[in-house]
Structures are given as C-alpha cells and as structure tokens.
Amino acid sequence: YDRQGKTFMLLADPSVECFSLDSLAHYIYMLAAGIAIVLFYPLATMLIPTFQFMNKGLDIKFDASFITLEKQSDLFVAILSTFYADLNTLFVLIVQALICIVLAGYNYKSEPCLVSYMNPAKTILYVVSAYVTCLAIIWQITKSMAILLILLGVLGFAVICWLLYEQRTKLLKLMALLLRIGGKLPF
C-alpha cells in the first residue's frame, strides 16, 4: 500500500497497481476470478471425497467427512501462508500446529480409514507435523540451535521408549532366543 498515492501495488512488482477500477480489464479479471471461485470451490469440496470411492483399485479409503476436513484445513493453511506469512509468520505457524493437533485428535478418535493400520500411521504423521511446526515456532522465538537439538533428542528418546514399551513382549522373546542361541555358540 502506498500511503502517498493511496493505492495498492503488487508486492512482487510495485509497478502493477491492484484494486484499480480505472481499467475495463480489471473488471473482466475480477468477474472471471469470482465465477471461478464460486464454481470451483463447492465442486472441489464435495467431489474430492467421492473420487476415492470411484476408483475400485484404491485400497486406502477415508471417511468423506475426514477428507473434507483435511482438504479444508489444507486450503486454510494455504490461504494463511499466502496472505499473512509476510505479516506474521509466527501466527501462521501457530495456526498450522493447531490444525495438525486437531486433525491428529480427530483421526485418532474417529479412525476414518477403512484400512486399520493406516489410522495410527496418519495420526503419527499429524503429530510429527505438529511437533516439527512447534520446533519452527520455537526457532522463530529463540533462534537457538541448542534448544532445537535438545527437543529433537527428547522426541527421539520418547519414540524409542514408546517402541520398547509397545513391543516389550516381542523384545523379551527375542532376548530369550538370543540368550539361548548365545549359550550354544562356540565362541
């Protein structure tokens, strides 16, 4: 925005004036964009969930409400990052982290995928995305590499502990087998 001329300019090229109604071309472009948005947005929102059920060869299918929520969230983050990233990157990152947490919780509770092993995988994907976004937020605030490395180590340790806890019976059987085999080895 140019305060002296009281006009809006394109950030990438200040010679291009935005929101000017001096030219007929602007009216035509605005009309075409408005029609495209009015027609495309509802079609994209409603058709994306149904496309997965049209493909008979597709094994991994999600509940239509989950796909709609996921695509709306993607669109919301894209809009925020397009229009507000230059103004406040921290705000965009916080909203993105919240969306990842909400999607992880929704995915965990509703188990929207028809293939059961995909639900935990998708939940983990959202949790890791939220964690990485939170690391980016911490970096934006502190600019400290030491804090980031510590937090990455905490995540790695937590994942290893969780895997050990979840797979404890298999690990105990494997250790018992190794001890039995170890007693029979010649060295």
Protein backbone atom coordinates (compact mmCIF):
# COMPACT_ATOMS: atom_id res chain seq x y z
CA TYR A 1 0.00 0.00 0.00
CA ASP A 2 1.34 3.38 -0.98
CA ARG A 3 0.21 5.92 1.60
CA GLN A 4 1.07 8.90 -0.55
CA GLY A 5 -0.72 7.75 -3.67
CA LYS A 6 -3.34 5.82 -1.65
CA THR A 7 -3.05 2.85 -3.97
CA PHE A 8 -2.29 -0.82 -3.59
CA MET A 9 0.60 -2.33 -5.52
CA LEU A 10 1.69 -5.89 -6.21
CA LEU A 11 4.42 -6.80 -3.72
CA ALA A 12 6.46 -8.71 -6.29
CA ASP A 13 6.24 -5.88 -8.86
CA PRO A 14 5.34 -2.42 -7.49
CA SER A 15 4.62 -1.14 -11.00
CA VAL A 16 1.42 -3.24 -11.04
CA GLU A 17 -1.45 -1.44 -9.33
CA CYS A 18 -4.01 -3.61 -7.53
CA PHE A 19 -7.69 -2.92 -6.87
CA SER A 20 -7.77 -0.24 -9.52
CA LEU A 21 -11.11 0.21 -11.24
CA ASP A 22 -9.72 2.54 -13.91
CA SER A 23 -9.41 -0.22 -16.49
CA LEU A 24 -12.08 -2.45 -18.00
CA ALA A 25 -9.58 -5.31 -17.87
CA HIS A 26 -9.70 -5.26 -14.05
CA TYR A 27 -13.48 -5.69 -14.12
CA ILE A 28 -13.18 -8.63 -16.52
CA TYR A 29 -10.45 -10.30 -14.43
CA MET A 30 -12.41 -9.82 -11.20
CA LEU A 31 -15.58 -11.24 -12.80
CA ALA A 32 -13.71 -14.28 -14.18
CA ALA A 33 -11.98 -14.92 -10.83
CA GLY A 34 -15.28 -14.57 -8.95
CA ILE A 35 -17.02 -17.04 -11.26
CA ALA A 36 -14.11 -19.49 -10.97
CA ILE A 37 -14.17 -19.33 -7.17
CA VAL A 38 -17.96 -19.70 -6.97
CA LEU A 39 -17.92 -22.71 -9.30
CA PHE A 40 -14.68 -24.40 -8.33
CA TYR A 41 -14.76 -24.27 -4.54
CA PRO A 42 -18.02 -26.20 -3.97
CA LEU A 43 -17.12 -28.73 -6.66
CA ALA A 44 -13.67 -29.32 -5.22
CA THR A 45 -15.02 -29.56 -1.68
CA MET A 46 -17.75 -32.05 -2.47
CA LEU A 47 -16.14 -34.11 -5.22
CA ILE A 48 -12.76 -34.90 -3.65
CA PRO A 49 -14.19 -37.30 -1.03
CA THR A 50 -16.28 -39.15 -3.63
CA PHE A 51 -13.39 -39.65 -6.09
CA GLN A 52 -11.71 -42.18 -3.80
CA PHE A 53 -14.77 -44.45 -3.86
CA MET A 54 -15.00 -44.26 -7.67
CA ASN A 55 -11.56 -45.86 -8.00
CA LYS A 56 -12.14 -49.57 -7.39
CA GLY A 57 -8.41 -50.30 -7.36
CA LEU A 58 -7.74 -47.93 -4.48
CA ASP A 59 -7.31 -49.87 -1.23
CA ILE A 60 -6.86 -46.98 1.19
CA LYS A 61 -10.11 -45.06 1.55
CA PHE A 62 -11.06 -42.50 4.17
CA ASP A 63 -14.38 -41.33 5.53
CA ALA A 64 -15.78 -38.47 3.40
CA SER A 65 -16.10 -36.11 6.38
CA PHE A 66 -12.43 -36.62 7.27
CA ILE A 67 -11.27 -35.95 3.71
CA THR A 68 -13.40 -32.79 3.60
CA LEU A 69 -11.99 -31.60 6.94
CA GLU A 70 -8.44 -32.37 5.81
CA LYS A 71 -8.81 -30.54 2.49
CA GLN A 72 -10.46 -27.54 4.14
CA SER A 73 -7.58 -27.40 6.60
CA ASP A 74 -5.06 -27.58 3.75
CA LEU A 75 -6.84 -24.74 1.99
CA PHE A 76 -6.99 -22.66 5.18
CA VAL A 77 -3.25 -23.06 5.81
CA ALA A 78 -2.51 -22.23 2.17
CA ILE A 79 -4.61 -19.06 2.38
CA LEU A 80 -2.93 -18.03 5.63
CA SER A 81 0.55 -18.66 4.32
CA THR A 82 -0.22 -16.78 1.11
CA PHE A 83 -1.76 -13.68 2.63
CA TYR A 84 -0.35 -13.48 6.15
CA ALA A 85 3.13 -15.05 6.07
CA ASP A 86 4.79 -11.73 5.26
CA LEU A 87 2.90 -10.01 8.06
CA ASN A 88 3.32 -12.59 10.81
CA THR A 89 4.97 -15.97 10.16
CA LEU A 90 4.59 -16.94 13.81
CA PHE A 91 0.79 -16.61 13.57
CA VAL A 92 0.68 -18.89 10.51
CA LEU A 93 2.88 -21.48 12.25
CA ILE A 94 0.72 -21.45 15.39
CA VAL A 95 -2.45 -21.97 13.34
CA GLN A 96 -0.75 -24.74 11.37
CA ALA A 97 0.33 -26.51 14.57
CA LEU A 98 -3.20 -26.25 15.98
CA ILE A 99 -4.67 -27.68 12.78
CA CYS A 100 -2.22 -30.60 12.89
CA ILE A 101 -3.13 -31.30 16.51
CA VAL A 102 -6.87 -31.14 15.77
CA LEU A 103 -6.50 -33.45 12.76
CA ALA A 104 -4.38 -35.88 14.80
CA GLY A 105 -7.02 -35.95 17.54
CA TYR A 106 -9.87 -36.34 15.08
CA ASN A 107 -8.03 -39.10 13.23
CA TYR A 108 -7.21 -40.89 16.49
CA LYS A 109 -10.79 -40.74 17.79
CA SER A 110 -12.75 -41.44 14.61
CA GLU A 111 -10.38 -43.85 12.80
CA PRO A 112 -11.61 -42.67 9.38
CA CYS A 113 -9.57 -45.06 7.22
CA LEU A 114 -11.07 -48.37 6.17
CA VAL A 115 -7.60 -49.94 6.36
CA SER A 116 -6.95 -50.21 10.09
CA TYR A 117 -3.14 -49.87 10.08
CA MET A 118 -3.38 -46.53 8.28
CA ASN A 119 -5.17 -44.80 11.16
CA PRO A 120 -2.23 -44.91 13.61
CA ALA A 121 0.17 -44.05 10.78
CA LYS A 122 -1.87 -40.99 9.81
CA THR A 123 -2.17 -39.94 13.46
CA ILE A 124 1.61 -40.23 13.91
CA LEU A 125 2.11 -38.22 10.73
CA TYR A 126 -0.03 -35.39 12.09
CA VAL A 127 1.67 -35.49 15.49
CA VAL A 128 5.12 -35.35 13.88
CA SER A 129 3.94 -32.47 11.66
CA ALA A 130 2.68 -30.60 14.71
CA TYR A 131 5.96 -31.31 16.53
CA VAL A 132 8.08 -30.02 13.64
CA THR A 133 5.85 -26.95 13.36
CA CYS A 134 6.28 -26.34 17.10
CA LEU A 135 10.05 -26.62 16.61
CA ALA A 136 9.77 -23.96 13.89
CA ILE A 137 7.80 -21.77 16.30
CA ILE A 138 10.47 -22.23 18.98
CA TRP A 139 13.15 -21.40 16.42
CA GLN A 140 11.26 -18.24 15.39
CA ILE A 141 11.10 -17.13 19.02
CA THR A 142 14.52 -18.17 20.35
CA LYS A 143 16.83 -18.63 17.33
CA SER A 144 18.63 -21.22 19.49
CA MET A 145 20.04 -24.31 17.80
CA ALA A 146 20.84 -25.86 21.20
CA ILE A 147 17.17 -25.84 22.25
CA LEU A 148 16.14 -27.39 18.93
CA LEU A 149 18.71 -30.18 19.26
CA ILE A 150 17.61 -30.90 22.83
CA LEU A 151 13.96 -31.07 21.75
CA LEU A 152 14.83 -33.34 18.83
CA GLY A 153 16.70 -35.61 21.27
CA VAL A 154 13.67 -35.64 23.57
CA LEU A 155 11.47 -36.74 20.66
CA GLY A 156 13.91 -39.48 19.67
CA PHE A 157 14.14 -40.74 23.24
CA ALA A 158 10.34 -40.67 23.61
CA VAL A 159 9.86 -42.63 20.38
CA ILE A 160 12.41 -45.26 21.44
CA CYS A 161 10.75 -45.59 24.87
CA TRP A 162 7.33 -45.92 23.27
CA LEU A 163 8.54 -48.56 20.81
CA LEU A 164 10.20 -50.51 23.63
CA TYR A 165 7.01 -50.33 25.69
CA GLU A 166 4.73 -51.34 22.81
CA GLN A 167 6.97 -54.16 21.61
CA ARG A 168 8.14 -55.39 25.03
CA THR A 169 6.80 -58.92 24.65
CA LYS A 170 8.42 -59.37 21.25
CA LEU A 171 11.67 -57.91 22.57
CA LEU A 172 11.65 -60.21 25.60
CA LYS A 173 11.11 -63.25 23.36
CA LEU A 174 13.91 -62.07 21.06
CA MET A 175 16.28 -61.54 24.01
CA ALA A 176 15.44 -65.01 25.39
CA LEU A 177 16.07 -66.53 21.97
CA LEU A 178 19.39 -64.70 21.66
CA LEU A 179 20.43 -65.86 25.13
CA ARG A 180 19.60 -69.47 24.24
CA ILE A 181 21.45 -69.20 20.94
CA GLY A 182 24.31 -67.36 22.63
CA GLY A 183 24.88 -70.27 25.02
CA LYS A 184 25.25 -72.66 22.07
CA LEU A 185 27.73 -70.58 20.09
CA PRO A 186 31.34 -71.90 20.04
CA PHE A 187 32.97 -68.57 20.92
